[in-house]
Amino acid sequence: MARSRARTALDALAGLIEAAVDVRGRDLATRIGLITPDATGLLAHDTGDGMSEVFRKAD
């Protein structure tokens, strides 16, 4: 029972984090230096990959 609730809570948290990145992705990418402040258009896949590298927890 506790594991099920924990899994549900983690799934909800992951969804919220993903939504925040979707909304603020350009700002995050700019702040960590992956794109310039004047960049326009959709974020490129390599920018997303770079963000994943920066924010991924080290093993």
PDB file of N, CA and C in Angstrom:
ATOM      1  N   MET A   1       0.819  -1.193   0.000  1.00  0.00           N
ATOM      2  CA  MET A   1       0.000   0.000   0.000  1.00  0.00           C
ATOM      3  C   MET A   1       0.866   1.262   0.000  1.00  0.00           C
ATOM      4  N   ALA A   2       1.859   1.312   0.890  1.00  0.00           N
ATOM      5  CA  ALA A   2       2.718   2.495   0.967  1.00  0.00           C
ATOM      6  C   ALA A   2       3.518   2.674  -0.323  1.00  0.00           C
ATOM      7  N   ARG A   3       3.985   1.577  -0.895  1.00  0.00           N
ATOM      8  CA  ARG A   3       4.743   1.671  -2.148  1.00  0.00           C
ATOM      9  C   ARG A   3       3.868   2.196  -3.270  1.00  0.00           C
ATOM     10  N   SER A   4       2.633   1.786  -3.296  1.00  0.00           N
ATOM     11  CA  SER A   4       1.708   2.249  -4.319  1.00  0.00           C
ATOM     12  C   SER A   4       1.480   3.751  -4.196  1.00  0.00           C
ATOM     13  N   ARG A   5       1.311   4.225  -2.976  1.00  0.00           N
ATOM     14  CA  ARG A   5       1.117   5.666  -2.761  1.00  0.00           C
ATOM     15  C   ARG A   5       2.380   6.445  -3.108  1.00  0.00           C
ATOM     16  N   ALA A   6       3.521   5.888  -2.740  1.00  0.00           N
ATOM     17  CA  ALA A   6       4.785   6.557  -3.052  1.00  0.00           C
ATOM     18  C   ALA A   6       4.974   6.648  -4.563  1.00  0.00           C
ATOM     19  N   ARG A   7       4.675   5.571  -5.263  1.00  0.00           N
ATOM     20  CA  ARG A   7       4.802   5.550  -6.722  1.00  0.00           C
ATOM     21  C   ARG A   7       3.862   6.575  -7.353  1.00  0.00           C
ATOM     22  N   THR A   8       2.638   6.651  -6.861  1.00  0.00           N
ATOM     23  CA  THR A   8       1.667   7.617  -7.375  1.00  0.00           C
ATOM     24  C   THR A   8       2.148   9.042  -7.128  1.00  0.00           C
ATOM     25  N   ALA A   9       2.685   9.294  -5.937  1.00  0.00           N
ATOM     26  CA  ALA A   9       3.189  10.628  -5.606  1.00  0.00           C
ATOM     27  C   ALA A   9       4.381  10.997  -6.487  1.00  0.00           C
ATOM     28  N   LEU A  10       5.280  10.058  -6.716  1.00  0.00           N
ATOM     29  CA  LEU A  10       6.439  10.327  -7.570  1.00  0.00           C
ATOM     30  C   LEU A  10       6.031  10.562  -9.018  1.00  0.00           C
ATOM     31  N   ASP A  11       5.062   9.820  -9.489  1.00  0.00           N
ATOM     32  CA  ASP A  11       4.557  10.036 -10.845  1.00  0.00           C
ATOM     33  C   ASP A  11       3.950  11.431 -10.981  1.00  0.00           C
ATOM     34  N   ALA A  12       3.209  11.856  -9.968  1.00  0.00           N
ATOM     35  CA  ALA A  12       2.613  13.192  -9.988  1.00  0.00           C
ATOM     36  C   ALA A  12       3.700  14.265  -9.969  1.00  0.00           C
ATOM     37  N   LEU A  13       4.719  14.080  -9.133  1.00  0.00           N
ATOM     38  CA  LEU A  13       5.820  15.041  -9.055  1.00  0.00           C
ATOM     39  C   LEU A  13       6.562  15.116 -10.387  1.00  0.00           C
ATOM     40  N   ALA A  14       6.829  13.981 -10.994  1.00  0.00           N
ATOM     41  CA  ALA A  14       7.510  13.964 -12.292  1.00  0.00           C
ATOM     42  C   ALA A  14       6.694  14.716 -13.336  1.00  0.00           C
ATOM     43  N   GLY A  15       5.391  14.548 -13.320  1.00  0.00           N
ATOM     44  CA  GLY A  15       4.523  15.267 -14.246  1.00  0.00           C
ATOM     45  C   GLY A  15       4.579  16.769 -14.038  1.00  0.00           C
ATOM     46  N   LEU A  16       4.603  17.197 -12.790  1.00  0.00           N
ATOM     47  CA  LEU A  16       4.689  18.631 -12.487  1.00  0.00           C
ATOM     48  C   LEU A  16       6.030  19.216 -12.922  1.00  0.00           C
ATOM     49  N   ILE A  17       7.107  18.480 -12.690  1.00  0.00           N
ATOM     50  CA  ILE A  17       8.430  18.952 -13.100  1.00  0.00           C
ATOM     51  C   ILE A  17       8.506  19.061 -14.617  1.00  0.00           C
ATOM     52  N   GLU A  18       7.994  18.066 -15.303  1.00  0.00           N
ATOM     53  CA  GLU A  18       7.994  18.095 -16.769  1.00  0.00           C
ATOM     54  C   GLU A  18       7.179  19.276 -17.288  1.00  0.00           C
ATOM     55  N   ALA A  19       6.042  19.545 -16.678  1.00  0.00           N
ATOM     56  CA  ALA A  19       5.214  20.681 -17.088  1.00  0.00           C
ATOM     57  C   ALA A  19       5.942  21.999 -16.852  1.00  0.00           C
ATOM     58  N   ALA A  20       6.639  22.113 -15.729  1.00  0.00           N
ATOM     59  CA  ALA A  20       7.392  23.337 -15.435  1.00  0.00           C
ATOM     60  C   ALA A  20       8.486  23.562 -16.471  1.00  0.00           C
ATOM     61  N   VAL A  21       9.177  22.504 -16.850  1.00  0.00           N
ATOM     62  CA  VAL A  21      10.223  22.628 -17.867  1.00  0.00           C
ATOM     63  C   VAL A  21       9.607  22.973 -19.216  1.00  0.00           C
ATOM     64  N   ASP A  22       8.454  22.402 -19.536  1.00  0.00           N
ATOM     65  CA  ASP A  22       7.776  22.739 -20.789  1.00  0.00           C
ATOM     66  C   ASP A  22       7.446  24.227 -20.840  1.00  0.00           C
ATOM     67  N   VAL A  23       6.993  24.774 -19.723  1.00  0.00           N
ATOM     68  CA  VAL A  23       6.586  26.179 -19.673  1.00  0.00           C
ATOM     69  C   VAL A  23       7.795  27.105 -19.608  1.00  0.00           C
ATOM     70  N   ARG A  24       8.821  26.734 -18.835  1.00  0.00           N
ATOM     71  CA  ARG A  24       9.968  27.608 -18.601  1.00  0.00           C
ATOM     72  C   ARG A  24      11.258  27.110 -19.257  1.00  0.00           C
ATOM     73  N   GLY A  25      11.146  26.206 -20.205  1.00  0.00           N
ATOM     74  CA  GLY A  25      12.324  25.596 -20.822  1.00  0.00           C
ATOM     75  C   GLY A  25      13.283  26.587 -21.446  1.00  0.00           C
ATOM     76  N   ARG A  26      12.741  27.560 -22.175  1.00  0.00           N
ATOM     77  CA  ARG A  26      13.607  28.553 -22.822  1.00  0.00           C
ATOM     78  C   ARG A  26      14.377  29.359 -21.779  1.00  0.00           C
ATOM     79  N   ASP A  27      13.708  29.761 -20.712  1.00  0.00           N
ATOM     80  CA  ASP A  27      14.370  30.509 -19.644  1.00  0.00           C
ATOM     81  C   ASP A  27      15.463  29.659 -18.988  1.00  0.00           C
ATOM     82  N   LEU A  28      15.158  28.396 -18.712  1.00  0.00           N
ATOM     83  CA  LEU A  28      16.158  27.502 -18.122  1.00  0.00           C
ATOM     84  C   LEU A  28      17.357  27.335 -19.046  1.00  0.00           C
ATOM     85  N   ALA A  29      17.109  27.092 -20.321  1.00  0.00           N
ATOM     86  CA  ALA A  29      18.202  26.903 -21.281  1.00  0.00           C
ATOM     87  C   ALA A  29      19.062  28.156 -21.395  1.00  0.00           C
ATOM     88  N   THR A  30      18.439  29.322 -21.333  1.00  0.00           N
ATOM     89  CA  THR A  30      19.184  30.577 -21.380  1.00  0.00           C
ATOM     90  C   THR A  30      20.036  30.745 -20.132  1.00  0.00           C
ATOM     91  N   ARG A  31      19.457  30.491 -18.984  1.00  0.00           N
ATOM     92  CA  ARG A  31      20.176  30.678 -17.719  1.00  0.00           C
ATOM     93  C   ARG A  31      21.382  29.759 -17.561  1.00  0.00           C
ATOM     94  N   ILE A  32      21.320  28.575 -18.153  1.00  0.00           N
ATOM     95  CA  ILE A  32      22.467  27.669 -18.030  1.00  0.00           C
ATOM     96  C   ILE A  32      23.398  27.767 -19.240  1.00  0.00           C
ATOM     97  N   GLY A  33      23.124  28.725 -20.132  1.00  0.00           N
ATOM     98  CA  GLY A  33      24.033  29.033 -21.222  1.00  0.00           C
ATOM     99  C   GLY A  33      23.929  28.166 -22.459  1.00  0.00           C
ATOM    100  N   LEU A  34      22.836  27.451 -22.625  1.00  0.00           N
ATOM    101  CA  LEU A  34      22.689  26.600 -23.804  1.00  0.00           C
ATOM    102  C   LEU A  34      22.177  27.360 -25.019  1.00  0.00           C
ATOM    103  N   ILE A  35      21.446  28.442 -24.795  1.00  0.00           N
ATOM    104  CA  ILE A  35      20.967  29.294 -25.886  1.00  0.00           C
ATOM    105  C   ILE A  35      21.152  30.748 -25.477  1.00  0.00           C
ATOM    106  N   THR A  36      21.109  31.636 -26.457  1.00  0.00           N
ATOM    107  CA  THR A  36      21.224  33.061 -26.170  1.00  0.00           C
ATOM    108  C   THR A  36      19.850  33.634 -25.832  1.00  0.00           C
ATOM    109  N   PRO A  37      19.818  34.741 -25.093  1.00  0.00           N
ATOM    110  CA  PRO A  37      18.525  35.335 -24.719  1.00  0.00           C
ATOM    111  C   PRO A  37      17.671  35.753 -25.909  1.00  0.00           C
ATOM    112  N   ASP A  38      18.294  36.031 -27.040  1.00  0.00           N
ATOM    113  CA  ASP A  38      17.530  36.481 -28.205  1.00  0.00           C
ATOM    114  C   ASP A  38      17.139  35.339 -29.145  1.00  0.00           C
ATOM    115  N   ALA A  39      17.383  34.092 -28.758  1.00  0.00           N
ATOM    116  CA  ALA A  39      17.021  32.937 -29.589  1.00  0.00           C
ATOM    117  C   ALA A  39      15.501  32.858 -29.735  1.00  0.00           C
ATOM    118  N   THR A  40      15.066  32.457 -30.920  1.00  0.00           N
ATOM    119  CA  THR A  40      13.630  32.340 -31.187  1.00  0.00           C
ATOM    120  C   THR A  40      13.306  30.933 -31.671  1.00  0.00           C
ATOM    121  N   GLY A  41      12.038  30.630 -31.763  1.00  0.00           N
ATOM    122  CA  GLY A  41      11.597  29.332 -32.263  1.00  0.00           C
ATOM    123  C   GLY A  41      11.582  28.268 -31.185  1.00  0.00           C
ATOM    124  N   LEU A  42      11.290  27.060 -31.619  1.00  0.00           N
ATOM    125  CA  LEU A  42      11.246  25.930 -30.695  1.00  0.00           C
ATOM    126  C   LEU A  42      12.649  25.566 -30.229  1.00  0.00           C
ATOM    127  N   LEU A  43      12.735  24.994 -29.050  1.00  0.00           N
ATOM    128  CA  LEU A  43      14.029  24.518 -28.572  1.00  0.00           C
ATOM    129  C   LEU A  43      14.453  23.313 -29.409  1.00  0.00           C
ATOM    130  N   ALA A  44      15.709  23.282 -29.776  1.00  0.00           N
ATOM    131  CA  ALA A  44      16.245  22.179 -30.574  1.00  0.00           C
ATOM    132  C   ALA A  44      16.430  20.946 -29.692  1.00  0.00           C
ATOM    133  N   HIS A  45      16.448  19.791 -30.327  1.00  0.00           N
ATOM    134  CA  HIS A  45      16.638  18.541 -29.584  1.00  0.00           C
ATOM    135  C   HIS A  45      17.970  18.537 -28.841  1.00  0.00           C
ATOM    136  N   ASP A  46      19.016  19.107 -29.446  1.00  0.00           N
ATOM    137  CA  ASP A  46      20.308  19.118 -28.763  1.00  0.00           C
ATOM    138  C   ASP A  46      20.280  20.013 -27.529  1.00  0.00           C
ATOM    139  N   THR A  47      19.446  21.046 -27.547  1.00  0.00           N
ATOM    140  CA  THR A  47      19.283  21.879 -26.354  1.00  0.00           C
ATOM    141  C   THR A  47      18.618  21.072 -25.245  1.00  0.00           C
ATOM    142  N   GLY A  48      17.592  20.322 -25.588  1.00  0.00           N
ATOM    143  CA  GLY A  48      16.939  19.449 -24.609  1.00  0.00           C
ATOM    144  C   GLY A  48      17.888  18.406 -24.063  1.00  0.00           C
ATOM    145  N   ASP A  49      18.715  17.840 -24.948  1.00  0.00           N
ATOM    146  CA  ASP A  49      19.710  16.864 -24.499  1.00  0.00           C
ATOM    147  C   ASP A  49      20.707  17.512 -23.542  1.00  0.00           C
ATOM    148  N   GLY A  50      21.113  18.741 -23.859  1.00  0.00           N
ATOM    149  CA  GLY A  50      22.034  19.464 -22.982  1.00  0.00           C
ATOM    150  C   GLY A  50      21.421  19.745 -21.622  1.00  0.00           C
ATOM    151  N   MET A  51      20.137  20.094 -21.612  1.00  0.00           N
ATOM    152  CA  MET A  51      19.452  20.328 -20.337  1.00  0.00           C
ATOM    153  C   MET A  51      19.393  19.037 -19.526  1.00  0.00           C
ATOM    154  N   SER A  52      19.140  17.927 -20.195  1.00  0.00           N
ATOM    155  CA  SER A  52      19.103  16.635 -19.498  1.00  0.00           C
ATOM    156  C   SER A  52      20.453  16.323 -18.872  1.00  0.00           C
ATOM    157  N   GLU A  53      21.537  16.606 -19.592  1.00  0.00           N
ATOM    158  CA  GLU A  53      22.877  16.361 -19.055  1.00  0.00           C
ATOM    159  C   GLU A  53      23.143  17.212 -17.822  1.00  0.00           C
ATOM    160  N   VAL A  54      22.722  18.477 -17.867  1.00  0.00           N
ATOM    161  CA  VAL A  54      22.963  19.386 -16.741  1.00  0.00           C
ATOM    162  C   VAL A  54      22.143  18.990 -15.519  1.00  0.00           C
ATOM    163  N   PHE A  55      20.883  18.650 -15.729  1.00  0.00           N
ATOM    164  CA  PHE A  55      19.987  18.421 -14.604  1.00  0.00           C
ATOM    165  C   PHE A  55      19.879  16.972 -14.152  1.00  0.00           C
ATOM    166  N   ARG A  56      20.463  16.050 -14.888  1.00  0.00           N
ATOM    167  CA  ARG A  56      20.392  14.635 -14.513  1.00  0.00           C
ATOM    168  C   ARG A  56      21.240  14.388 -13.269  1.00  0.00           C
ATOM    169  N   LYS A  57      20.695  13.610 -12.371  1.00  0.00           N
ATOM    170  CA  LYS A  57      21.400  13.261 -11.140  1.00  0.00           C
ATOM    171  C   LYS A  57      22.580  12.360 -11.481  1.00  0.00           C
ATOM    172  N   ALA A  58      23.725  12.668 -10.902  1.00  0.00           N
ATOM    173  CA  ALA A  58      24.924  11.849 -11.131  1.00  0.00           C
ATOM    174  C   ALA A  58      24.746  10.478 -10.497  1.00  0.00           C
ATOM    175  N   ASP A  59      25.328   9.486 -11.130  1.00  0.00           N
ATOM    176  CA  ASP A  59      25.239   8.118 -10.601  1.00  0.00           C
ATOM    177  C   ASP A  59      26.170   7.903  -9.438  1.00  0.00           C
TER     178      ASP A  59
END
